[in-house]
Protein backbone atom coordinates (compact mmCIF):
# COMPACT_ATOMS: atom_id res chain seq x y z
CA MET A 1 -11.60 8.73 -4.65
CA GLY A 2 -12.99 10.45 -7.70
CA LYS A 3 -13.94 8.79 -10.97
CA VAL A 4 -11.23 10.15 -13.30
CA ILE A 5 -8.08 8.86 -11.60
CA PRO A 6 -9.32 5.24 -11.24
CA GLU A 7 -10.16 5.11 -14.95
CA ILE A 8 -6.68 6.31 -16.03
CA TYR A 9 -4.58 5.03 -13.11
CA ASP A 10 -2.82 2.22 -15.00
CA ALA A 11 -1.94 4.51 -17.91
CA LEU A 12 -0.61 7.18 -15.53
CA MET A 13 1.47 4.65 -13.62
CA ALA A 14 2.83 2.74 -16.64
CA PRO A 15 6.05 4.77 -17.10
CA LEU A 16 6.87 4.64 -13.37
CA GLU A 17 6.07 0.93 -13.27
CA ARG A 18 8.49 0.25 -16.13
CA ILE A 19 11.29 2.44 -14.79
CA LYS A 20 11.19 1.65 -11.06
CA PHE A 21 8.02 0.45 -9.36
CA ARG A 22 7.78 -3.00 -10.95
CA SER A 23 11.13 -4.09 -9.47
CA ILE A 24 10.24 -2.68 -6.03
CA ARG A 25 6.86 -4.45 -6.08
CA GLN A 26 8.53 -7.75 -7.07
CA PHE A 27 11.14 -7.38 -4.32
CA LEU A 28 8.47 -6.78 -1.68
CA ILE A 29 5.61 -9.04 -2.81
CA GLN A 30 7.81 -12.12 -3.29
CA LYS A 31 8.15 -12.12 0.53
CA ALA A 32 4.39 -12.50 1.09
CA GLU A 33 3.49 -15.93 2.48
CA GLY A 34 0.55 -17.57 4.24
CA LYS A 35 -2.78 -15.77 4.49
CA VAL A 36 -2.17 -12.27 3.12
CA LEU A 37 -4.25 -9.11 3.31
CA GLU A 38 -3.52 -6.41 0.75
CA ILE A 39 -4.94 -2.97 1.55
CA GLY A 40 -5.71 -0.45 -1.17
CA SER A 41 -5.21 -3.05 -3.86
CA GLY A 42 -6.29 -0.64 -6.61
CA THR A 43 -6.26 -2.17 -10.08
CA GLY A 44 -4.27 -5.19 -8.89
CA LEU A 45 -0.78 -4.13 -9.97
CA ASN A 46 0.70 -6.33 -7.21
CA PHE A 47 -1.30 -9.44 -8.08
CA PRO A 48 1.13 -10.92 -10.66
CA TYR A 49 3.94 -10.93 -8.07
CA TYR A 50 2.27 -13.13 -5.44
CA THR A 51 3.83 -16.58 -5.77
CA LYS A 52 4.24 -17.89 -2.19
CA ALA A 53 0.99 -16.74 -0.58
CA GLU A 54 -1.56 -19.37 0.41
CA ALA A 55 -4.34 -16.88 -0.41
CA VAL A 56 -4.70 -13.12 -0.75
CA THR A 57 -7.63 -11.04 0.43
CA ALA A 58 -7.46 -7.68 -1.31
CA VAL A 59 -9.42 -4.69 -0.03
CA GLU A 60 -10.07 -1.57 -2.08
CA PRO A 61 -12.58 1.19 -1.25
CA ASN A 62 -13.09 2.32 -4.85
CA PRO A 63 -15.50 0.18 -6.94
CA VAL A 64 -13.97 1.34 -10.25
CA MET A 65 -10.52 0.17 -9.16
CA LEU A 66 -11.98 -3.15 -8.00
CA ARG A 67 -13.67 -3.68 -11.34
CA LYS A 68 -10.44 -2.93 -13.17
CA SER A 69 -8.57 -5.53 -11.06
CA ILE A 70 -10.68 -8.51 -12.21
CA LYS A 71 -8.44 -9.41 -15.15
CA ARG A 72 -5.37 -9.51 -12.90
CA ILE A 73 -7.24 -11.60 -10.30
CA LYS A 74 -8.07 -14.20 -12.97
CA ALA A 75 -4.43 -14.30 -14.16
CA ALA A 76 -2.89 -14.51 -10.66
CA GLN A 77 -0.80 -17.50 -9.58
CA VAL A 78 -2.49 -17.67 -6.16
CA PRO A 79 -6.15 -17.39 -5.09
CA ILE A 80 -7.18 -13.74 -4.68
CA GLU A 81 -10.47 -12.48 -3.33
CA ALA A 82 -11.10 -8.75 -3.76
CA ILE A 83 -13.69 -6.93 -1.68
CA GLN A 84 -14.76 -3.33 -1.30
CA ALA A 85 -13.60 -2.18 2.13
CA ASP A 86 -11.73 0.60 3.92
CA ALA A 87 -8.41 -0.01 5.71
CA GLN A 88 -9.67 2.21 8.54
CA LYS A 89 -12.52 -0.23 9.31
CA LEU A 90 -11.68 -3.75 8.21
CA PRO A 91 -14.41 -6.43 8.13
CA PHE A 92 -12.18 -9.17 9.59
CA SER A 93 -11.70 -10.81 12.98
CA ASP A 94 -8.66 -10.20 15.13
CA ASP A 95 -5.53 -12.16 14.21
CA SER A 96 -6.82 -13.16 10.75
CA PHE A 97 -3.70 -12.69 8.60
CA ASP A 98 -0.06 -13.80 8.56
CA MET A 99 1.07 -10.83 6.48
CA ILE A 100 -0.30 -7.51 5.29
CA VAL A 101 0.81 -5.68 2.14
CA GLY A 102 0.26 -2.03 1.26
CA THR A 103 1.80 -0.31 -1.75
CA LEU A 104 1.36 3.38 -2.49
CA VAL A 105 -1.71 3.49 -0.26
CA PHE A 106 -0.84 5.23 3.02
CA CYS A 107 -0.55 8.53 1.16
CA THR A 108 -4.31 8.51 0.49
CA ILE A 109 -5.74 7.02 3.69
CA PRO A 110 -7.41 9.92 5.53
CA HIS A 111 -6.31 8.72 8.99
CA PRO A 112 -3.25 6.45 8.70
CA ASP A 113 -3.03 6.06 12.49
CA ILE A 114 -6.53 4.52 12.55
CA ALA A 115 -5.65 2.25 9.62
CA LEU A 116 -2.45 1.07 11.31
CA LYS A 117 -4.40 0.28 14.49
CA GLU A 118 -6.78 -1.83 12.36
CA LEU A 119 -3.88 -3.56 10.62
CA ARG A 120 -2.35 -4.49 13.96
CA ARG A 121 -5.72 -5.87 15.07
CA VAL A 122 -6.19 -8.20 12.08
CA LEU A 123 -2.50 -9.16 11.80
CA LYS A 124 -1.42 -12.14 13.87
CA ALA A 125 1.10 -11.65 16.67
CA HIS A 126 4.57 -11.56 15.08
CA GLY A 127 2.92 -11.17 11.66
CA THR A 128 4.65 -9.08 9.01
CA LEU A 129 3.69 -5.78 7.38
CA LEU A 130 5.21 -5.07 3.93
CA VAL A 131 4.89 -1.48 2.70
CA PHE A 132 6.05 0.44 -0.37
CA GLU A 133 5.38 4.19 -0.13
CA HIS A 134 6.48 7.60 -1.24
CA VAL A 135 7.27 9.67 1.84
CA ARG A 136 8.33 13.07 3.13
CA LEU A 137 12.00 13.61 2.35
CA ASP A 138 14.55 14.16 5.12
CA GLN A 139 16.15 17.10 3.32
CA PRO A 140 14.51 20.22 4.88
CA THR A 141 14.08 22.28 1.70
CA ALA A 142 12.60 19.34 -0.22
CA ALA A 143 10.31 18.52 2.73
CA LYS A 144 9.06 22.14 2.82
CA MET A 145 8.35 21.98 -0.93
CA GLN A 146 6.38 18.74 -0.45
CA LYS A 147 4.36 20.36 2.36
CA TRP A 148 3.69 23.44 0.22
CA VAL A 149 2.55 21.43 -2.82
CA THR A 150 0.47 18.84 -0.93
CA PRO A 151 -2.82 20.82 -0.60
CA VAL A 152 -3.06 21.29 -4.38
CA TRP A 153 -1.74 17.79 -5.11
CA LYS A 154 -4.38 16.24 -2.81
CA ARG A 155 -7.18 17.88 -4.80
CA MET A 156 -5.70 16.81 -8.14
CA CYS A 157 -4.75 13.28 -7.12
CA ASP A 158 -7.64 12.01 -5.02
CA GLY A 159 -6.28 12.77 -1.56
CA CYS A 160 -2.63 11.81 -2.08
CA HIS A 161 -0.35 13.44 0.53
CA LEU A 162 3.20 14.05 -0.66
CA ASP A 163 4.47 14.79 2.85
CA ARG A 164 3.49 11.79 4.97
CA ASN A 165 6.10 10.25 7.26
CA THR A 166 4.89 6.68 6.89
CA LEU A 167 7.97 5.14 8.50
CA ALA A 168 7.40 7.18 11.69
CA ASN A 169 3.67 6.36 11.57
CA ILE A 170 4.44 2.63 11.48
CA LYS A 171 6.93 2.96 14.37
CA ASN A 172 4.43 5.01 16.38
CA SER A 173 1.76 2.34 15.85
CA GLY A 174 3.82 -0.05 17.98
CA MET A 175 5.22 -2.20 15.20
CA THR A 176 8.91 -3.07 15.07
CA ILE A 177 10.76 -1.99 11.93
CA GLU A 178 12.87 -4.85 10.58
CA GLN A 179 14.11 -3.53 7.23
CA VAL A 180 13.97 -0.29 5.26
CA HIS A 181 15.17 0.01 1.66
CA LYS A 182 15.45 3.55 0.27
CA TYR A 183 14.99 4.49 -3.37
CA ASN A 184 15.41 7.81 -5.17
CA SER A 185 17.25 9.51 -2.27
CA GLY A 186 14.65 8.30 0.22
CA LEU A 187 11.56 9.52 -1.67
CA PHE A 188 10.37 5.89 -1.87
CA LEU A 189 10.70 3.34 0.92
CA ALA A 190 10.16 -0.41 1.06
CA ILE A 191 9.47 -1.21 4.71
CA GLN A 192 9.21 -4.53 6.52
CA ALA A 193 7.78 -4.40 10.05
CA LYS A 194 6.72 -6.95 12.65
CA ASN A 195 3.53 -6.82 14.71
């Protein structure tokens, strides 16, 4: 990730957070219990919504984003430890976590299939994955537009793919989809899956 987007991320996201994302994050994160791993934790926008977790380990590859999350870590209702790490190569033993959370992160992971394999490795058997993502739309014309715009968008927005099919990627990883909530005609999904 570059240096510009991390510095202005919260300001860029503020309107979307107020209008839609805050309620989706609350809906999803309030389900997180036990030992939780959050991947791509960014500036810690999810941290205020953890209330039932025993402890949260948050991984973020970008040091600027990690630094910006410190204030939210200190204000959190549950213990949160943030470390610099990549979801494609997690520094944890097998079966370490009860639940894993990822919000607006699979769009930027270079190899989501590798990351999902790692998540399955560190997630306990029958553990839960909670995901909030923007995804490729089902409508063919809209999906073509997303595919057409993605190469430019990726360069402007630090590797963000507009046309990822995250739901299919999770299914293909071997996880079982338990719930899917669609927002904005399916542009955004809240997904709950079981390992």
